[in-house]
Amino acid sequence: MSVREGVINAFHYGNEERPDKKIHLAVDLTADKMIIHVLDEGAGFLLSDVPDPLAEENLLSTSGRGIFLMRAFMDEFNVISGRTGGAGNRDVKETARPGECFAEWPRRTRRQAPTGSVRK
């Protein structure tokens, strides 16, 4: 769900639905987490400029919940600037360790989130 929302945002908002612009998607899988990178070729944005979808004036809006959903589904959510312009997001989901049952899988201790990132 998080990847879907990231790609939709990159296509609609970042690349302004222009077919000549690309969306870059990369997945890094390690023993303890999956890191997803979605990058567009748009102008970029500030996370602080994105309206809160839970604010009363936005509750009936038909859009504006993508970042909210990405934050909800991932253990880490970061907005990043592209090296050549554009913006993207870096999402991290921790995976179960060998021998851990997913249903009983405890939340691991998390470090303090770096500036500009959001952690659950």
PDB file of N, CA and C in Angstrom:
ATOM      1  N   MET A   1       0.825  -1.189   0.000  1.00  0.00           N
ATOM      2  CA  MET A   1       0.000   0.000   0.000  1.00  0.00           C
ATOM      3  C   MET A   1       0.875   1.261   0.000  1.00  0.00           C
ATOM      4  N   SER A   2       1.944   1.235   0.771  1.00  0.00           N
ATOM      5  CA  SER A   2       2.837   2.389   0.837  1.00  0.00           C
ATOM      6  C   SER A   2       3.508   2.644  -0.511  1.00  0.00           C
ATOM      7  N   VAL A   3       3.954   1.589  -1.180  1.00  0.00           N
ATOM      8  CA  VAL A   3       4.595   1.750  -2.493  1.00  0.00           C
ATOM      9  C   VAL A   3       3.590   2.323  -3.487  1.00  0.00           C
ATOM     10  N   ARG A   4       2.383   1.788  -3.473  1.00  0.00           N
ATOM     11  CA  ARG A   4       1.333   2.265  -4.368  1.00  0.00           C
ATOM     12  C   ARG A   4       1.091   3.766  -4.170  1.00  0.00           C
ATOM     13  N   GLU A   5       0.950   4.198  -2.929  1.00  0.00           N
ATOM     14  CA  GLU A   5       0.707   5.604  -2.638  1.00  0.00           C
ATOM     15  C   GLU A   5       1.892   6.477  -3.064  1.00  0.00           C
ATOM     16  N   GLY A   6       3.107   5.988  -2.814  1.00  0.00           N
ATOM     17  CA  GLY A   6       4.294   6.748  -3.207  1.00  0.00           C
ATOM     18  C   GLY A   6       4.388   6.934  -4.713  1.00  0.00           C
ATOM     19  N   VAL A   7       4.093   5.879  -5.467  1.00  0.00           N
ATOM     20  CA  VAL A   7       4.149   5.961  -6.930  1.00  0.00           C
ATOM     21  C   VAL A   7       3.022   6.866  -7.448  1.00  0.00           C
ATOM     22  N   ILE A   8       1.824   6.745  -6.879  1.00  0.00           N
ATOM     23  CA  ILE A   8       0.719   7.619  -7.301  1.00  0.00           C
ATOM     24  C   ILE A   8       1.066   9.085  -7.048  1.00  0.00           C
ATOM     25  N   ASN A   9       1.620   9.390  -5.869  1.00  0.00           N
ATOM     26  CA  ASN A   9       2.016  10.770  -5.569  1.00  0.00           C
ATOM     27  C   ASN A   9       3.103  11.255  -6.523  1.00  0.00           C
ATOM     28  N   ALA A  10       4.073  10.402  -6.816  1.00  0.00           N
ATOM     29  CA  ALA A  10       5.145  10.777  -7.742  1.00  0.00           C
ATOM     30  C   ALA A  10       4.579  11.084  -9.130  1.00  0.00           C
ATOM     31  N   PHE A  11       3.651  10.260  -9.589  1.00  0.00           N
ATOM     32  CA  PHE A  11       3.047  10.452 -10.912  1.00  0.00           C
ATOM     33  C   PHE A  11       2.168  11.697 -10.944  1.00  0.00           C
ATOM     34  N   HIS A  12       1.265  11.804  -9.975  1.00  0.00           N
ATOM     35  CA  HIS A  12       0.267  12.872 -10.005  1.00  0.00           C
ATOM     36  C   HIS A  12       0.842  14.233  -9.598  1.00  0.00           C
ATOM     37  N   TYR A  13       1.479  14.290  -8.429  1.00  0.00           N
ATOM     38  CA  TYR A  13       1.954  15.564  -7.911  1.00  0.00           C
ATOM     39  C   TYR A  13       3.360  15.910  -8.393  1.00  0.00           C
ATOM     40  N   GLY A  14       4.278  14.955  -8.306  1.00  0.00           N
ATOM     41  CA  GLY A  14       5.660  15.238  -8.683  1.00  0.00           C
ATOM     42  C   GLY A  14       5.835  15.453 -10.173  1.00  0.00           C
ATOM     43  N   ASN A  15       5.442  14.474 -10.960  1.00  0.00           N
ATOM     44  CA  ASN A  15       5.631  14.540 -12.415  1.00  0.00           C
ATOM     45  C   ASN A  15       4.456  15.160 -13.144  1.00  0.00           C
ATOM     46  N   GLU A  16       3.442  15.588 -12.419  1.00  0.00           N
ATOM     47  CA  GLU A  16       2.272  16.260 -12.986  1.00  0.00           C
ATOM     48  C   GLU A  16       1.654  15.469 -14.141  1.00  0.00           C
ATOM     49  N   GLU A  17       1.680  14.139 -14.009  1.00  0.00           N
ATOM     50  CA  GLU A  17       1.099  13.211 -14.991  1.00  0.00           C
ATOM     51  C   GLU A  17       1.698  13.359 -16.386  1.00  0.00           C
ATOM     52  N   ARG A  18       2.929  13.834 -16.456  1.00  0.00           N
ATOM     53  CA  ARG A  18       3.603  13.987 -17.754  1.00  0.00           C
ATOM     54  C   ARG A  18       4.292  12.675 -18.134  1.00  0.00           C
ATOM     55  N   PRO A  19       3.940  12.105 -19.284  1.00  0.00           N
ATOM     56  CA  PRO A  19       4.512  10.814 -19.690  1.00  0.00           C
ATOM     57  C   PRO A  19       6.008  10.868 -20.016  1.00  0.00           C
ATOM     58  N   ASP A  20       6.560  12.066 -20.230  1.00  0.00           N
ATOM     59  CA  ASP A  20       7.985  12.184 -20.532  1.00  0.00           C
ATOM     60  C   ASP A  20       8.857  12.160 -19.274  1.00  0.00           C
ATOM     61  N   LYS A  21       8.239  12.213 -18.103  1.00  0.00           N
ATOM     62  CA  LYS A  21       8.991  12.165 -16.847  1.00  0.00           C
ATOM     63  C   LYS A  21       8.934  10.763 -16.264  1.00  0.00           C
ATOM     64  N   LYS A  22      10.012  10.385 -15.572  1.00  0.00           N
ATOM     65  CA  LYS A  22      10.135   9.036 -15.025  1.00  0.00           C
ATOM     66  C   LYS A  22       9.916   9.015 -13.517  1.00  0.00           C
ATOM     67  N   ILE A  23       9.547   7.838 -13.045  1.00  0.00           N
ATOM     68  CA  ILE A  23       9.470   7.550 -11.613  1.00  0.00           C
ATOM     69  C   ILE A  23      10.486   6.459 -11.352  1.00  0.00           C
ATOM     70  N   HIS A  24      11.370   6.688 -10.403  1.00  0.00           N
ATOM     71  CA  HIS A  24      12.409   5.723 -10.068  1.00  0.00           C
ATOM     72  C   HIS A  24      11.992   4.985  -8.795  1.00  0.00           C
ATOM     73  N   LEU A  25      12.033   3.668  -8.852  1.00  0.00           N
ATOM     74  CA  LEU A  25      11.635   2.831  -7.736  1.00  0.00           C
ATOM     75  C   LEU A  25      12.762   1.848  -7.444  1.00  0.00           C
ATOM     76  N   ALA A  26      13.184   1.777  -6.195  1.00  0.00           N
ATOM     77  CA  ALA A  26      14.225   0.832  -5.792  1.00  0.00           C
ATOM     78  C   ALA A  26      13.833   0.210  -4.459  1.00  0.00           C
ATOM     79  N   VAL A  27      14.179  -1.045  -4.305  1.00  0.00           N
ATOM     80  CA  VAL A  27      13.910  -1.761  -3.064  1.00  0.00           C
ATOM     81  C   VAL A  27      15.210  -2.391  -2.584  1.00  0.00           C
ATOM     82  N   ASP A  28      15.572  -2.106  -1.353  1.00  0.00           N
ATOM     83  CA  ASP A  28      16.730  -2.727  -0.709  1.00  0.00           C
ATOM     84  C   ASP A  28      16.193  -3.655   0.368  1.00  0.00           C
ATOM     85  N   LEU A  29      16.597  -4.898   0.310  1.00  0.00           N
ATOM     86  CA  LEU A  29      16.138  -5.881   1.287  1.00  0.00           C
ATOM     87  C   LEU A  29      17.338  -6.382   2.077  1.00  0.00           C
ATOM     88  N   THR A  30      17.274  -6.214   3.398  1.00  0.00           N
ATOM     89  CA  THR A  30      18.324  -6.717   4.273  1.00  0.00           C
ATOM     90  C   THR A  30      17.716  -7.796   5.166  1.00  0.00           C
ATOM     91  N   ALA A  31      18.513  -8.330   6.046  1.00  0.00           N
ATOM     92  CA  ALA A  31      18.037  -9.384   6.942  1.00  0.00           C
ATOM     93  C   ALA A  31      16.953  -8.889   7.895  1.00  0.00           C
ATOM     94  N   ASP A  32      16.966  -7.583   8.220  1.00  0.00           N
ATOM     95  CA  ASP A  32      16.004  -7.103   9.212  1.00  0.00           C
ATOM     96  C   ASP A  32      15.060  -6.012   8.734  1.00  0.00           C
ATOM     97  N   LYS A  33      15.184  -5.570   7.470  1.00  0.00           N
ATOM     98  CA  LYS A  33      14.254  -4.556   6.996  1.00  0.00           C
ATOM     99  C   LYS A  33      14.212  -4.473   5.473  1.00  0.00           C
ATOM    100  N   MET A  34      13.141  -3.871   4.997  1.00  0.00           N
ATOM    101  CA  MET A  34      12.967  -3.587   3.583  1.00  0.00           C
ATOM    102  C   MET A  34      12.922  -2.063   3.452  1.00  0.00           C
ATOM    103  N   ILE A  35      13.746  -1.519   2.569  1.00  0.00           N
ATOM    104  CA  ILE A  35      13.806  -0.077   2.352  1.00  0.00           C
ATOM    105  C   ILE A  35      13.322   0.195   0.935  1.00  0.00           C
ATOM    106  N   ILE A  36      12.323   1.049   0.810  1.00  0.00           N
ATOM    107  CA  ILE A  36      11.726   1.361  -0.483  1.00  0.00           C
ATOM    108  C   ILE A  36      12.004   2.824  -0.796  1.00  0.00           C
ATOM    109  N   HIS A  37      12.522   3.072  -2.000  1.00  0.00           N
ATOM    110  CA  HIS A  37      12.801   4.429  -2.466  1.00  0.00           C
ATOM    111  C   HIS A  37      11.906   4.715  -3.668  1.00  0.00           C
ATOM    112  N   VAL A  38      11.177   5.815  -3.630  1.00  0.00           N
ATOM    113  CA  VAL A  38      10.374   6.274  -4.770  1.00  0.00           C
ATOM    114  C   VAL A  38      10.816   7.707  -5.047  1.00  0.00           C
ATOM    115  N   LEU A  39      11.247   7.995  -6.278  1.00  0.00           N
ATOM    116  CA  LEU A  39      11.748   9.318  -6.629  1.00  0.00           C
ATOM    117  C   LEU A  39      11.121   9.777  -7.932  1.00  0.00           C
ATOM    118  N   ASP A  40      10.646  11.025  -7.955  1.00  0.00           N
ATOM    119  CA  ASP A  40      10.066  11.576  -9.180  1.00  0.00           C
ATOM    120  C   ASP A  40      10.991  12.632  -9.770  1.00  0.00           C
ATOM    121  N   GLU A  41      10.589  13.216 -10.886  1.00  0.00           N
ATOM    122  CA  GLU A  41      11.370  14.253 -11.556  1.00  0.00           C
ATOM    123  C   GLU A  41      10.675  15.605 -11.482  1.00  0.00           C
ATOM    124  N   GLY A  42       9.886  15.812 -10.434  1.00  0.00           N
ATOM    125  CA  GLY A  42       9.158  17.066 -10.263  1.00  0.00           C
ATOM    126  C   GLY A  42       9.979  18.128  -9.560  1.00  0.00           C
ATOM    127  N   ALA A  43       9.288  19.147  -9.058  1.00  0.00           N
ATOM    128  CA  ALA A  43       9.938  20.299  -8.424  1.00  0.00           C
ATOM    129  C   ALA A  43      10.252  20.072  -6.956  1.00  0.00           C
ATOM    130  N   GLY A  44       9.710  19.030  -6.354  1.00  0.00           N
ATOM    131  CA  GLY A  44       9.926  18.786  -4.931  1.00  0.00           C
ATOM    132  C   GLY A  44       8.863  19.468  -4.088  1.00  0.00           C
ATOM    133  N   PHE A  45       8.866  19.176  -2.791  1.00  0.00           N
ATOM    134  CA  PHE A  45       7.894  19.756  -1.873  1.00  0.00           C
ATOM    135  C   PHE A  45       8.424  19.675  -0.459  1.00  0.00           C
ATOM    136  N   LEU A  46       7.783  20.436   0.408  1.00  0.00           N
ATOM    137  CA  LEU A  46       8.094  20.398   1.837  1.00  0.00           C
ATOM    138  C   LEU A  46       6.993  19.630   2.539  1.00  0.00           C
ATOM    139  N   LEU A  47       7.371  18.680   3.361  1.00  0.00           N
ATOM    140  CA  LEU A  47       6.396  17.885   4.090  1.00  0.00           C
ATOM    141  C   LEU A  47       5.506  18.767   4.961  1.00  0.00           C
ATOM    142  N   SER A  48       6.060  19.842   5.480  1.00  0.00           N
ATOM    143  CA  SER A  48       5.283  20.752   6.336  1.00  0.00           C
ATOM    144  C   SER A  48       4.173  21.471   5.571  1.00  0.00           C
ATOM    145  N   ASP A  49       4.238  21.495   4.230  1.00  0.00           N
ATOM    146  CA  ASP A  49       3.206  22.144   3.417  1.00  0.00           C
ATOM    147  C   ASP A  49       2.029  21.223   3.107  1.00  0.00           C
ATOM    148  N   VAL A  50       2.143  19.935   3.447  1.00  0.00           N
ATOM    149  CA  VAL A  50       1.082  18.976   3.148  1.00  0.00           C
ATOM    150  C   VAL A  50       0.000  19.105   4.220  1.00  0.00           C
ATOM    151  N   PRO A  51      -1.261  19.352   3.798  1.00  0.00           N
ATOM    152  CA  PRO A  51      -2.341  19.511   4.786  1.00  0.00           C
ATOM    153  C   PRO A  51      -2.577  18.235   5.596  1.00  0.00           C
ATOM    154  N   ASP A  52      -2.987  18.403   6.841  1.00  0.00           N
ATOM    155  CA  ASP A  52      -3.314  17.280   7.719  1.00  0.00           C
ATOM    156  C   ASP A  52      -4.660  16.700   7.292  1.00  0.00           C
ATOM    157  N   PRO A  53      -4.707  15.431   6.846  1.00  0.00           N
ATOM    158  CA  PRO A  53      -5.976  14.867   6.386  1.00  0.00           C
ATOM    159  C   PRO A  53      -6.985  14.660   7.523  1.00  0.00           C
ATOM    160  N   LEU A  54      -6.540  14.732   8.771  1.00  0.00           N
ATOM    161  CA  LEU A  54      -7.436  14.559   9.910  1.00  0.00           C
ATOM    162  C   LEU A  54      -7.998  15.883  10.432  1.00  0.00           C
ATOM    163  N   ALA A  55      -7.520  17.001   9.850  1.00  0.00           N
ATOM    164  CA  ALA A  55      -8.070  18.300  10.244  1.00  0.00           C
ATOM    165  C   ALA A  55      -9.521  18.374   9.773  1.00  0.00           C
ATOM    166  N   GLU A  56     -10.353  19.004  10.562  1.00  0.00           N
ATOM    167  CA  GLU A  56     -11.796  19.023  10.267  1.00  0.00           C
ATOM    168  C   GLU A  56     -12.099  19.502   8.850  1.00  0.00           C
ATOM    169  N   GLU A  57     -11.400  20.515   8.386  1.00  0.00           N
ATOM    170  CA  GLU A  57     -11.672  21.057   7.046  1.00  0.00           C
ATOM    171  C   GLU A  57     -11.261  20.115   5.910  1.00  0.00           C
ATOM    172  N   ASN A  58     -10.474  19.057   6.238  1.00  0.00           N
ATOM    173  CA  ASN A  58     -10.016  18.125   5.205  1.00  0.00           C
ATOM    174  C   ASN A  58     -10.699  16.758   5.254  1.00  0.00           C
ATOM    175  N   LEU A  59     -11.548  16.530   6.241  1.00  0.00           N
ATOM    176  CA  LEU A  59     -12.140  15.203   6.433  1.00  0.00           C
ATOM    177  C   LEU A  59     -12.965  14.731   5.245  1.00  0.00           C
ATOM    178  N   LEU A  60     -13.618  15.613   4.537  1.00  0.00           N
ATOM    179  CA  LEU A  60     -14.448  15.231   3.401  1.00  0.00           C
ATOM    180  C   LEU A  60     -13.729  15.365   2.066  1.00  0.00           C
ATOM    181  N   SER A  61     -12.457  15.711   2.096  1.00  0.00           N
ATOM    182  CA  SER A  61     -11.683  15.832   0.862  1.00  0.00           C
ATOM    183  C   SER A  61     -11.547  14.464   0.188  1.00  0.00           C
ATOM    184  N   THR A  62     -11.560  14.466  -1.133  1.00  0.00           N
ATOM    185  CA  THR A  62     -11.456  13.197  -1.873  1.00  0.00           C
ATOM    186  C   THR A  62     -10.013  12.778  -2.115  1.00  0.00           C
ATOM    187  N   SER A  63      -9.050  13.583  -1.684  1.00  0.00           N
ATOM    188  CA  SER A  63      -7.636  13.217  -1.841  1.00  0.00           C
ATOM    189  C   SER A  63      -6.852  13.734  -0.642  1.00  0.00           C
ATOM    190  N   GLY A  64      -5.548  13.461  -0.633  1.00  0.00           N
ATOM    191  CA  GLY A  64      -4.706  14.006   0.419  1.00  0.00           C
ATOM    192  C   GLY A  64      -4.390  13.068   1.557  1.00  0.00           C
ATOM    193  N   ARG A  65      -4.542  11.757   1.332  1.00  0.00           N
ATOM    194  CA  ARG A  65      -4.280  10.802   2.404  1.00  0.00           C
ATOM    195  C   ARG A  65      -3.084   9.895   2.140  1.00  0.00           C
ATOM    196  N   GLY A  66      -2.403  10.080   1.022  1.00  0.00           N
ATOM    197  CA  GLY A  66      -1.297   9.200   0.652  1.00  0.00           C
ATOM    198  C   GLY A  66      -0.174   9.178   1.668  1.00  0.00           C
ATOM    199  N   ILE A  67       0.318  10.340   2.048  1.00  0.00           N
ATOM    200  CA  ILE A  67       1.412  10.403   3.014  1.00  0.00           C
ATOM    201  C   ILE A  67       0.943   9.887   4.375  1.00  0.00           C
ATOM    202  N   PHE A  68      -0.292  10.205   4.741  1.00  0.00           N
ATOM    203  CA  PHE A  68      -0.869   9.690   5.980  1.00  0.00           C
ATOM    204  C   PHE A  68      -0.824   8.160   5.994  1.00  0.00           C
ATOM    205  N   LEU A  69      -1.211   7.530   4.879  1.00  0.00           N
ATOM    206  CA  LEU A  69      -1.201   6.066   4.787  1.00  0.00           C
ATOM    207  C   LEU A  69       0.225   5.510   4.810  1.00  0.00           C
ATOM    208  N   MET A  70       1.150   6.162   4.103  1.00  0.00           N
ATOM    209  CA  MET A  70       2.542   5.687   4.109  1.00  0.00           C
ATOM    210  C   MET A  70       3.112   5.721   5.525  1.00  0.00           C
ATOM    211  N   ARG A  71       2.829   6.778   6.254  1.00  0.00           N
ATOM    212  CA  ARG A  71       3.291   6.869   7.645  1.00  0.00           C
ATOM    213  C   ARG A  71       2.683   5.752   8.494  1.00  0.00           C
ATOM    214  N   ALA A  72       1.410   5.450   8.245  1.00  0.00           N
ATOM    215  CA  ALA A  72       0.711   4.447   9.047  1.00  0.00           C
ATOM    216  C   ALA A  72       1.242   3.037   8.791  1.00  0.00           C
ATOM    217  N   PHE A  73       1.595   2.724   7.554  1.00  0.00           N
ATOM    218  CA  PHE A  73       1.993   1.366   7.199  1.00  0.00           C
ATOM    219  C   PHE A  73       3.478   1.076   7.382  1.00  0.00           C
ATOM    220  N   MET A  74       4.304   2.109   7.427  1.00  0.00           N
ATOM    221  CA  MET A  74       5.748   1.889   7.484  1.00  0.00           C
ATOM    222  C   MET A  74       6.294   2.222   8.875  1.00  0.00           C
ATOM    223  N   ASP A  75       7.437   1.630   9.199  1.00  0.00           N
ATOM    224  CA  ASP A  75       8.099   1.916  10.471  1.00  0.00           C
ATOM    225  C   ASP A  75       8.859   3.237  10.416  1.00  0.00           C
ATOM    226  N   GLU A  76       9.320   3.622   9.237  1.00  0.00           N
ATOM    227  CA  GLU A  76       9.978   4.914   9.025  1.00  0.00           C
ATOM    228  C   GLU A  76       9.456   5.500   7.727  1.00  0.00           C
ATOM    229  N   PHE A  77       9.294   6.805   7.690  1.00  0.00           N
ATOM    230  CA  PHE A  77       8.899   7.511   6.474  1.00  0.00           C
ATOM    231  C   PHE A  77       9.724   8.781   6.389  1.00  0.00           C
ATOM    232  N   ASN A  78      10.444   8.970   5.290  1.00  0.00           N
ATOM    233  CA  ASN A  78      11.303  10.132   5.104  1.00  0.00           C
ATOM    234  C   ASN A  78      11.035  10.744   3.742  1.00  0.00           C
ATOM    235  N   VAL A  79      10.938  12.061   3.668  1.00  0.00           N
ATOM    236  CA  VAL A  79      10.881  12.768   2.391  1.00  0.00           C
ATOM    237  C   VAL A  79      12.306  13.191   2.080  1.00  0.00           C
ATOM    238  N   ILE A  80      12.731  12.925   0.849  1.00  0.00           N
ATOM    239  CA  ILE A  80      14.100  13.235   0.443  1.00  0.00           C
ATOM    240  C   ILE A  80      14.085  14.093  -0.812  1.00  0.00           C
ATOM    241  N   SER A  81      15.147  14.855  -1.017  1.00  0.00           N
ATOM    242  CA  SER A  81      15.313  15.616  -2.254  1.00  0.00           C
ATOM    243  C   SER A  81      16.138  14.795  -3.224  1.00  0.00           C
ATOM    244  N   GLY A  82      15.754  14.837  -4.486  1.00  0.00           N
ATOM    245  CA  GLY A  82      16.513  14.129  -5.512  1.00  0.00           C
ATOM    246  C   GLY A  82      17.822  14.833  -5.814  1.00  0.00           C
ATOM    247  N   ARG A  83      18.801  14.095  -6.273  1.00  0.00           N
ATOM    248  CA  ARG A  83      20.110  14.683  -6.590  1.00  0.00           C
ATOM    249  C   ARG A  83      20.039  15.669  -7.744  1.00  0.00           C
ATOM    250  N   THR A  84      19.123  15.442  -8.666  1.00  0.00           N
ATOM    251  CA  THR A  84      18.991  16.315  -9.835  1.00  0.00           C
ATOM    252  C   THR A  84      17.634  17.002  -9.853  1.00  0.00           C
ATOM    253  N   GLY A  85      17.057  17.236  -8.695  1.00  0.00           N
ATOM    254  CA  GLY A  85      15.726  17.826  -8.593  1.00  0.00           C
ATOM    255  C   GLY A  85      14.717  16.759  -8.233  1.00  0.00           C
ATOM    256  N   GLY A  86      13.496  17.171  -8.118  1.00  0.00           N
ATOM    257  CA  GLY A  86      12.456  16.218  -7.764  1.00  0.00           C
ATOM    258  C   GLY A  86      12.472  15.917  -6.276  1.00  0.00           C
ATOM    259  N   ALA A  87      11.561  15.060  -5.897  1.00  0.00           N
ATOM    260  CA  ALA A  87      11.450  14.652  -4.500  1.00  0.00           C
ATOM    261  C   ALA A  87      11.125  13.177  -4.467  1.00  0.00           C
ATOM    262  N   GLY A  88      11.266  12.632  -3.318  1.00  0.00           N
ATOM    263  CA  GLY A  88      10.953  11.223  -3.180  1.00  0.00           C
ATOM    264  C   GLY A  88      10.700  10.882  -1.742  1.00  0.00           C
ATOM    265  N   ASN A  89      10.443   9.620  -1.530  1.00  0.00           N
ATOM    266  CA  ASN A  89      10.290   9.163  -0.167  1.00  0.00           C
ATOM    267  C   ASN A  89      11.079   7.878   0.019  1.00  0.00           C
ATOM    268  N   ARG A  90      11.534   7.704   1.249  1.00  0.00           N
ATOM    269  CA  ARG A  90      12.273   6.515   1.656  1.00  0.00           C
ATOM    270  C   ARG A  90      11.474   5.905   2.795  1.00  0.00           C
ATOM    271  N   ASP A  91      10.920   4.732   2.542  1.00  0.00           N
ATOM    272  CA  ASP A  91      10.095   4.049   3.522  1.00  0.00           C
ATOM    273  C   ASP A  91      10.828   2.811   4.016  1.00  0.00           C
ATOM    274  N   VAL A  92      10.752   2.553   5.305  1.00  0.00           N
ATOM    275  CA  VAL A  92      11.405   1.381   5.881  1.00  0.00           C
ATOM    276  C   VAL A  92      10.373   0.555   6.633  1.00  0.00           C
ATOM    277  N   LYS A  93      10.382  -0.746   6.383  1.00  0.00           N
ATOM    278  CA  LYS A  93       9.535  -1.681   7.120  1.00  0.00           C
ATOM    279  C   LYS A  93      10.424  -2.758   7.692  1.00  0.00           C
ATOM    280  N   GLU A  94      10.397  -2.916   9.009  1.00  0.00           N
ATOM    281  CA  GLU A  94      11.179  -3.964   9.642  1.00  0.00           C
ATOM    282  C   GLU A  94      10.558  -5.310   9.317  1.00  0.00           C
ATOM    283  N   THR A  95      11.391  -6.314   9.192  1.00  0.00           N
ATOM    284  CA  THR A  95      10.914  -7.666   8.906  1.00  0.00           C
ATOM    285  C   THR A  95      11.153  -8.557  10.117  1.00  0.00           C
ATOM    286  N   ALA A  96      10.426  -9.646  10.173  1.00  0.00           N
ATOM    287  CA  ALA A  96      10.613 -10.594  11.275  1.00  0.00           C
ATOM    288  C   ALA A  96      11.970 -11.263  11.142  1.00  0.00           C
ATOM    289  N   ARG A  97      12.592 -11.519  12.252  1.00  0.00           N
ATOM    290  CA  ARG A  97      13.871 -12.229  12.260  1.00  0.00           C
ATOM    291  C   ARG A  97      13.600 -13.723  12.150  1.00  0.00           C
ATOM    292  N   PRO A  98      14.590 -14.490  11.687  1.00  0.00           N
ATOM    293  CA  PRO A  98      14.388 -15.942  11.615  1.00  0.00           C
ATOM    294  C   PRO A  98      13.955 -16.493  12.970  1.00  0.00           C
ATOM    295  N   GLY A  99      12.924 -17.301  12.962  1.00  0.00           N
ATOM    296  CA  GLY A  99      12.415 -17.891  14.187  1.00  0.00           C
ATOM    297  C   GLY A  99      11.331 -17.079  14.866  1.00  0.00           C
ATOM    298  N   GLU A 100      11.147 -15.816  14.465  1.00  0.00           N
ATOM    299  CA  GLU A 100      10.096 -14.992  15.050  1.00  0.00           C
ATOM    300  C   GLU A 100       8.785 -15.249  14.320  1.00  0.00           C
ATOM    301  N   CYS A 101       7.741 -15.391  15.069  1.00  0.00           N
ATOM    302  CA  CYS A 101       6.392 -15.521  14.507  1.00  0.00           C
ATOM    303  C   CYS A 101       5.876 -14.109  14.269  1.00  0.00           C
ATOM    304  N   PHE A 102       5.374 -13.837  13.073  1.00  0.00           N
ATOM    305  CA  PHE A 102       4.926 -12.490  12.741  1.00  0.00           C
ATOM    306  C   PHE A 102       3.876 -11.979  13.721  1.00  0.00           C
ATOM    307  N   ALA A 103       2.929 -12.823  14.121  1.00  0.00           N
ATOM    308  CA  ALA A 103       1.857 -12.400  15.020  1.00  0.00           C
ATOM    309  C   ALA A 103       2.394 -12.023  16.399  1.00  0.00           C
ATOM    310  N   GLU A 104       3.487 -12.632  16.819  1.00  0.00           N
ATOM    311  CA  GLU A 104       4.058 -12.362  18.139  1.00  0.00           C
ATOM    312  C   GLU A 104       5.263 -11.433  18.070  1.00  0.00           C
ATOM    313  N   TRP A 105       5.595 -10.990  16.895  1.00  0.00           N
ATOM    314  CA  TRP A 105       6.781 -10.197  16.618  1.00  0.00           C
ATOM    315  C   TRP A 105       6.752  -8.885  17.392  1.00  0.00           C
ATOM    316  N   PRO A 106       7.684  -8.714  18.319  1.00  0.00           N
ATOM    317  CA  PRO A 106       7.685  -7.483  19.124  1.00  0.00           C
ATOM    318  C   PRO A 106       8.256  -6.311  18.343  1.00  0.00           C
ATOM    319  N   ARG A 107       7.816  -5.132  18.684  1.00  0.00           N
ATOM    320  CA  ARG A 107       8.414  -3.933  18.110  1.00  0.00           C
ATOM    321  C   ARG A 107       9.808  -3.790  18.678  1.00  0.00           C
ATOM    322  N   ARG A 108      10.761  -3.584  17.833  1.00  0.00           N
ATOM    323  CA  ARG A 108      12.132  -3.413  18.288  1.00  0.00           C
ATOM    324  C   ARG A 108      12.351  -1.977  18.739  1.00  0.00           C
ATOM    325  N   THR A 109      13.309  -1.761  19.584  1.00  0.00           N
ATOM    326  CA  THR A 109      13.631  -0.413  20.042  1.00  0.00           C
ATOM    327  C   THR A 109      14.148   0.385  18.871  1.00  0.00           C
ATOM    328  N   ARG A 110      13.643   1.613  18.746  1.00  0.00           N
ATOM    329  CA  ARG A 110      14.039   2.460  17.622  1.00  0.00           C
ATOM    330  C   ARG A 110      14.895   3.613  18.123  1.00  0.00           C
ATOM    331  N   ARG A 111      15.846   3.993  17.298  1.00  0.00           N
ATOM    332  CA  ARG A 111      16.667   5.166  17.589  1.00  0.00           C
ATOM    333  C   ARG A 111      15.858   6.420  17.294  1.00  0.00           C
ATOM    334  N   GLN A 112      16.353   7.552  17.740  1.00  0.00           N
ATOM    335  CA  GLN A 112      15.715   8.832  17.453  1.00  0.00           C
ATOM    336  C   GLN A 112      15.733   9.056  15.945  1.00  0.00           C
ATOM    337  N   ALA A 113      14.598   9.490  15.390  1.00  0.00           N
ATOM    338  CA  ALA A 113      14.494   9.739  13.950  1.00  0.00           C
ATOM    339  C   ALA A 113      15.336  10.945  13.572  1.00  0.00           C
ATOM    340  N   PRO A 114      16.041  10.875  12.417  1.00  0.00           N
ATOM    341  CA  PRO A 114      16.800  12.037  11.957  1.00  0.00           C
ATOM    342  C   PRO A 114      15.861  13.190  11.608  1.00  0.00           C
ATOM    343  N   THR A 115      16.368  14.412  11.606  1.00  0.00           N
ATOM    344  CA  THR A 115      15.570  15.583  11.270  1.00  0.00           C
ATOM    345  C   THR A 115      14.979  15.399   9.865  1.00  0.00           C
ATOM    346  N   GLY A 116      13.701  15.740   9.728  1.00  0.00           N
ATOM    347  CA  GLY A 116      13.041  15.650   8.429  1.00  0.00           C
ATOM    348  C   GLY A 116      12.407  14.289   8.188  1.00  0.00           C
ATOM    349  N   SER A 117      12.483  13.402   9.154  1.00  0.00           N
ATOM    350  CA  SER A 117      11.867  12.078   8.979  1.00  0.00           C
ATOM    351  C   SER A 117      10.809  11.883  10.040  1.00  0.00           C
ATOM    352  N   VAL A 118       9.990  10.889   9.807  1.00  0.00           N
ATOM    353  CA  VAL A 118       8.911  10.583  10.730  1.00  0.00           C
ATOM    354  C   VAL A 118       8.973   9.102  11.042  1.00  0.00           C
ATOM    355  N   ARG A 119       8.856   8.763  12.307  1.00  0.00           N
ATOM    356  CA  ARG A 119       8.807   7.367  12.721  1.00  0.00           C
ATOM    357  C   ARG A 119       7.568   7.141  13.550  1.00  0.00           C
ATOM    358  N   LYS A 120       7.019   5.938  13.439  1.00  0.00           N
ATOM    359  CA  LYS A 120       5.870   5.576  14.259  1.00  0.00           C
ATOM    360  C   LYS A 120       6.334   5.273  15.665  1.00  0.00           C
TER     361      LYS A 120
END
